[in-house]
Amino acid sequence: MIEEEKKCEAILLQLVAIRSAVHKVSTIVAQRYANGCLIEAIDQGEDRQEIMNKAIETIMKINQ
């Protein structure tokens, strides 16, 4: 778009759209992590509090 000399507004709107799409994908990945990895870890007897802390920390990183 820059090489095609598109208007700044159009470029910025595309960047916002890309950012939104990446955020949505990150949310889906976090949900799958929570539903899969956490349940598996709990089933294997790992400490629930530690697992939850790691999950919360990961989700917070995604939302930064």
Protein backbone atom coordinates (compact mmCIF):
# COMPACT_ATOMS: atom_id res chain seq x y z
CA MET A 1 0.00 0.00 0.00
CA ILE A 2 2.85 2.37 0.77
CA GLU A 3 4.58 1.49 -2.50
CA GLU A 4 1.27 2.09 -4.27
CA GLU A 5 1.13 5.50 -2.56
CA LYS A 6 -2.25 4.86 -0.92
CA LYS A 7 -3.58 7.52 1.42
CA CYS A 8 -2.33 7.50 5.01
CA GLU A 9 -5.84 6.92 6.36
CA ALA A 10 -6.24 3.75 4.28
CA ILE A 11 -2.89 2.42 5.47
CA LEU A 12 -3.71 3.13 9.11
CA LEU A 13 -7.11 1.46 8.78
CA GLN A 14 -5.43 -1.65 7.41
CA LEU A 15 -3.00 -1.67 10.31
CA VAL A 16 -5.89 -1.45 12.76
CA ALA A 17 -7.62 -4.33 10.99
CA ILE A 18 -4.46 -6.46 11.13
CA ARG A 19 -4.01 -5.71 14.83
CA SER A 20 -7.63 -6.67 15.52
CA ALA A 21 -7.28 -9.95 13.62
CA VAL A 22 -4.09 -10.87 15.48
CA HIS A 23 -5.79 -10.11 18.79
CA LYS A 24 -8.75 -12.35 17.90
CA VAL A 25 -6.42 -15.22 16.97
CA SER A 26 -4.50 -14.73 20.22
CA THR A 27 -7.75 -14.95 22.17
CA ILE A 28 -8.68 -18.21 20.45
CA VAL A 29 -5.24 -19.67 21.20
CA ALA A 30 -5.54 -18.62 24.86
CA GLN A 31 -8.97 -20.25 25.12
CA ARG A 32 -7.66 -23.50 23.68
CA TYR A 33 -4.70 -23.33 26.05
CA ALA A 34 -7.02 -22.88 28.99
CA ASN A 35 -9.34 -25.66 27.90
CA GLY A 36 -6.68 -28.16 26.88
CA CYS A 37 -3.37 -27.65 28.60
CA LEU A 38 -4.80 -26.59 31.94
CA ILE A 39 -7.17 -29.54 32.18
CA GLU A 40 -4.37 -31.92 31.22
CA ALA A 41 -2.01 -30.43 33.80
CA ILE A 42 -4.64 -30.68 36.53
CA ASP A 43 -5.36 -34.30 35.55
CA GLN A 44 -1.65 -35.03 35.91
CA GLY A 45 -1.71 -33.72 39.47
CA GLU A 46 0.06 -30.42 38.96
CA ASP A 47 -0.60 -27.61 41.42
CA ARG A 48 -3.86 -25.85 40.47
CA GLN A 49 -2.81 -22.46 41.79
CA GLU A 50 0.46 -22.54 39.87
CA ILE A 51 -1.35 -23.57 36.69
CA MET A 52 -3.89 -20.76 37.08
CA ASN A 53 -1.16 -18.20 37.77
CA LYS A 54 0.66 -19.22 34.58
CA ALA A 55 -2.57 -19.05 32.57
CA ILE A 56 -3.45 -15.60 33.92
CA GLU A 57 0.08 -14.36 33.26
CA THR A 58 -0.09 -15.62 29.67
CA ILE A 59 -3.50 -14.06 29.05
CA MET A 60 -2.32 -10.75 30.49
CA LYS A 61 0.65 -10.75 28.10
CA ILE A 62 -1.72 -11.28 25.18
CA ASN A 63 -3.82 -8.29 26.23
CA GLN A 64 -0.91 -5.86 26.46
